[in-house]
Amino acid sequence: MNPPSFFPGTRVPFSQEGLFQGIFAVTNGITLSQICDITGLEPAAVQNWIKRGYVNPPVNRKYAKGQVARIILIHMLREALPIERVAKLLSYVNGNLLDRSDDIMDDSDIYDCLCRVLTEADQKPGHGKFDISIDLSDYFNKIDKQLEDFKEPYPGAGERLKLALKAMVCAYQAARFKRYASQLTEGI
């Protein structure tokens, strides 16, 4: 099976280097218009998430890697979950969404881990773009493998992170099925 066409939750073509390595290797942040280009979101959506306390405001009109990852995660997960549930899931992992000091893992690392899990599991023969025989245990085993060397900041943090990643995988797959159902019913 071929790698995905785009990074999950974005319009950025997939590459093995990862989404954030290329973008943030040459800059200390990106603008709202660039985020909108990457995700397909309207500026008002991002600004609303900032007002609601889901994302920190930009510094000097620039969004850092963690903020961009948070925006992409919210965008990706809200296809299957209400936004309040997405915020609850993210705060389950990282406590107060506006306080980076209580994070189990930076949002950019969570997103990168999620991308690795999704792409590695999708590389398994038989997994197609709209494979209806998805075995979640493949994804969950990939999560365990990705977090083998994870250093817990406190006892139980790794289990919280695993549970959150499992929920994210399920939400991502639910959104894929929803899009597939829409495609199937377009001609009806």
Protein backbone atom coordinates (compact mmCIF):
# COMPACT_ATOMS: atom_id res chain seq x y z
CA MET A 1 0.00 0.00 0.00
CA ASN A 2 1.20 3.51 -0.75
CA PRO A 3 1.65 6.19 1.91
CA PRO A 4 -1.23 8.64 2.36
CA SER A 5 -1.52 11.51 -0.10
CA PHE A 6 -1.66 14.18 2.61
CA PHE A 7 -0.81 14.51 6.29
CA PRO A 8 -3.97 13.81 8.33
CA GLY A 9 -6.04 16.93 8.91
CA THR A 10 -4.12 18.96 6.32
CA ARG A 11 -3.73 19.69 2.62
CA VAL A 12 0.05 19.20 2.86
CA PRO A 13 1.41 16.37 0.70
CA PHE A 14 2.78 13.50 2.76
CA SER A 15 6.54 13.10 3.13
CA GLN A 16 8.66 10.84 5.30
CA GLU A 17 10.37 13.85 6.92
CA GLY A 18 7.18 14.78 8.76
CA LEU A 19 5.00 17.84 8.66
CA PHE A 20 6.68 20.04 11.23
CA GLN A 21 10.32 19.36 10.39
CA GLY A 22 10.04 21.14 7.07
CA ILE A 23 7.83 24.01 8.15
CA PHE A 24 9.58 24.94 11.38
CA ALA A 25 13.15 24.22 10.30
CA VAL A 26 13.35 27.63 8.65
CA THR A 27 10.95 29.76 10.70
CA ASN A 28 9.99 30.44 14.29
CA GLY A 29 6.28 30.41 13.48
CA ILE A 30 3.66 30.70 10.80
CA THR A 31 0.78 33.08 10.21
CA LEU A 32 -2.95 32.47 10.40
CA SER A 33 -3.25 32.61 6.61
CA GLN A 34 -0.57 29.90 6.33
CA ILE A 35 -2.44 27.73 8.84
CA CYS A 36 -5.58 28.19 6.77
CA ASP A 37 -3.67 27.18 3.63
CA ILE A 38 -2.35 24.06 5.39
CA THR A 39 -5.68 22.97 6.90
CA GLY A 40 -8.39 24.43 4.70
CA LEU A 41 -9.89 26.11 7.78
CA GLU A 42 -11.42 29.55 7.74
CA PRO A 43 -9.62 32.14 9.90
CA ALA A 44 -12.78 32.60 12.00
CA ALA A 45 -12.64 28.95 13.12
CA VAL A 46 -9.11 29.30 14.47
CA GLN A 47 -9.93 32.65 16.09
CA ASN A 48 -13.00 31.07 17.70
CA TRP A 49 -10.89 28.26 19.15
CA ILE A 50 -8.53 30.87 20.61
CA LYS A 51 -11.47 32.77 22.16
CA ARG A 52 -12.84 29.51 23.61
CA GLY A 53 -9.48 28.69 25.20
CA TYR A 54 -8.64 25.65 23.07
CA VAL A 55 -5.54 27.23 21.53
CA ASN A 56 -3.12 29.85 22.85
CA PRO A 57 -3.15 33.15 20.98
CA PRO A 58 -0.28 33.78 18.55
CA VAL A 59 2.81 35.71 19.62
CA ASN A 60 3.58 38.59 17.24
CA ARG A 61 0.98 37.11 14.86
CA LYS A 62 2.97 33.88 14.60
CA TYR A 63 1.83 30.42 15.65
CA ALA A 64 4.43 28.03 17.05
CA LYS A 65 4.71 24.34 16.22
CA GLY A 66 2.64 23.20 19.22
CA GLN A 67 -0.14 25.65 18.43
CA VAL A 68 -0.27 24.55 14.80
CA ALA A 69 -0.38 20.91 15.89
CA ARG A 70 -3.23 21.67 18.31
CA ILE A 71 -5.17 23.38 15.52
CA ILE A 72 -4.63 20.43 13.17
CA LEU A 73 -5.62 17.93 15.87
CA ILE A 74 -8.82 19.84 16.64
CA HIS A 75 -9.62 20.15 12.94
CA MET A 76 -8.98 16.46 12.34
CA LEU A 77 -10.91 15.17 15.37
CA ARG A 78 -13.93 17.45 15.12
CA GLU A 79 -15.07 15.60 12.01
CA ALA A 80 -16.10 12.75 14.32
CA LEU A 81 -16.40 14.33 17.77
CA PRO A 82 -18.09 17.47 19.06
CA ILE A 83 -15.51 20.19 19.64
CA GLU A 84 -16.13 20.14 23.40
CA ARG A 85 -15.25 16.43 23.43
CA VAL A 86 -12.10 17.13 21.42
CA ALA A 87 -11.08 19.78 23.96
CA LYS A 88 -11.80 17.35 26.81
CA LEU A 89 -9.66 14.69 25.10
CA LEU A 90 -6.76 17.09 24.62
CA SER A 91 -7.00 18.33 28.20
CA TYR A 92 -7.08 14.72 29.42
CA VAL A 93 -3.57 14.42 28.01
CA ASN A 94 -2.28 17.91 28.63
CA GLY A 95 -4.29 19.40 31.49
CA ASN A 96 -5.06 23.08 31.12
CA LEU A 97 -5.08 23.69 27.37
CA LEU A 98 -3.48 27.11 27.75
CA ASP A 99 -0.72 26.01 30.15
CA ARG A 100 2.18 24.14 28.51
CA SER A 101 3.86 23.35 31.85
CA ASP A 102 1.39 20.54 32.67
CA ASP A 103 1.67 18.74 29.31
CA ILE A 104 2.40 15.03 29.17
CA MET A 105 3.63 15.46 25.59
CA ASP A 106 3.82 18.48 23.29
CA ASP A 107 0.94 18.62 20.80
CA SER A 108 3.38 18.49 17.87
CA ASP A 109 4.81 15.22 19.23
CA ILE A 110 1.28 13.86 19.75
CA TYR A 111 0.42 14.72 16.16
CA ASP A 112 3.67 13.21 14.83
CA CYS A 113 3.06 10.04 16.87
CA LEU A 114 -0.52 9.82 15.60
CA CYS A 115 0.67 10.25 12.00
CA ARG A 116 3.25 7.47 12.43
CA VAL A 117 0.62 5.16 13.92
CA LEU A 118 -1.87 5.85 11.13
CA THR A 119 0.64 5.52 8.29
CA GLU A 120 2.41 2.44 9.67
CA ALA A 121 -0.85 0.59 10.28
CA ASP A 122 -2.15 1.64 6.84
CA GLN A 123 0.99 0.18 5.23
CA LYS A 124 -0.24 -3.30 6.15
CA PRO A 125 -1.29 -5.23 3.04
CA GLY A 126 -5.01 -5.07 2.49
CA HIS A 127 -5.46 -1.64 4.01
CA GLY A 128 -6.85 0.59 1.33
CA LYS A 129 -8.07 4.16 1.25
CA PHE A 130 -11.53 3.03 2.32
CA ASP A 131 -10.79 -0.35 3.81
CA ILE A 132 -13.89 -1.46 5.70
CA SER A 133 -12.07 -4.30 7.44
CA ILE A 134 -10.00 -2.12 9.75
CA ASP A 135 -8.58 -3.95 12.73
CA LEU A 136 -8.15 -1.41 15.51
CA SER A 137 -5.74 -3.74 17.30
CA ASP A 138 -3.21 -3.02 14.52
CA TYR A 139 -3.42 0.68 15.36
CA PHE A 140 -3.38 0.09 19.12
CA ASN A 141 -0.31 -2.14 18.82
CA LYS A 142 1.41 0.63 16.83
CA ILE A 143 0.57 3.07 19.63
CA ASP A 144 2.19 0.74 22.17
CA LYS A 145 5.25 0.43 19.95
CA GLN A 146 5.52 4.20 19.41
CA LEU A 147 5.42 4.82 23.15
CA GLU A 148 7.84 2.06 24.22
CA ASP A 149 10.56 4.58 25.09
CA PHE A 150 8.23 7.29 26.39
CA LYS A 151 9.46 8.78 29.67
CA GLU A 152 6.47 9.44 31.90
CA PRO A 153 6.55 12.84 33.62
CA TYR A 154 4.48 11.24 36.41
CA PRO A 155 3.04 7.75 37.10
CA GLY A 156 0.10 6.93 34.85
CA ALA A 157 0.90 9.58 32.25
CA GLY A 158 1.78 6.96 29.63
CA GLU A 159 -1.55 5.20 30.05
CA ARG A 160 -3.40 8.51 29.72
CA LEU A 161 -1.49 9.23 26.53
CA LYS A 162 -2.21 5.76 25.12
CA LEU A 163 -5.92 6.08 25.85
CA ALA A 164 -6.06 9.50 24.21
CA LEU A 165 -4.19 8.25 21.12
CA LYS A 166 -6.58 5.29 20.86
CA ALA A 167 -9.53 7.67 20.96
CA MET A 168 -7.88 9.85 18.30
CA VAL A 169 -7.33 6.84 16.03
CA CYS A 170 -10.98 5.82 16.44
CA ALA A 171 -12.18 9.37 15.71
CA TYR A 172 -9.93 9.57 12.65
CA GLN A 173 -11.25 6.26 11.34
CA ALA A 174 -14.85 7.29 12.07
CA ALA A 175 -14.33 10.44 10.01
CA ARG A 176 -12.89 8.34 7.16
CA PHE A 177 -16.00 6.12 7.23
CA LYS A 178 -18.24 9.16 7.31
CA ARG A 179 -16.53 10.59 4.21
CA TYR A 180 -16.79 7.20 2.49
CA ALA A 181 -20.50 6.94 3.30
CA SER A 182 -20.99 10.40 1.79
CA GLN A 183 -19.17 9.32 -1.37
CA LEU A 184 -21.29 6.18 -1.64
CA THR A 185 -24.51 8.12 -1.29
CA GLU A 186 -23.65 11.01 -3.63
CA GLY A 187 -25.32 9.33 -6.60
CA ILE A 188 -28.42 8.20 -4.75
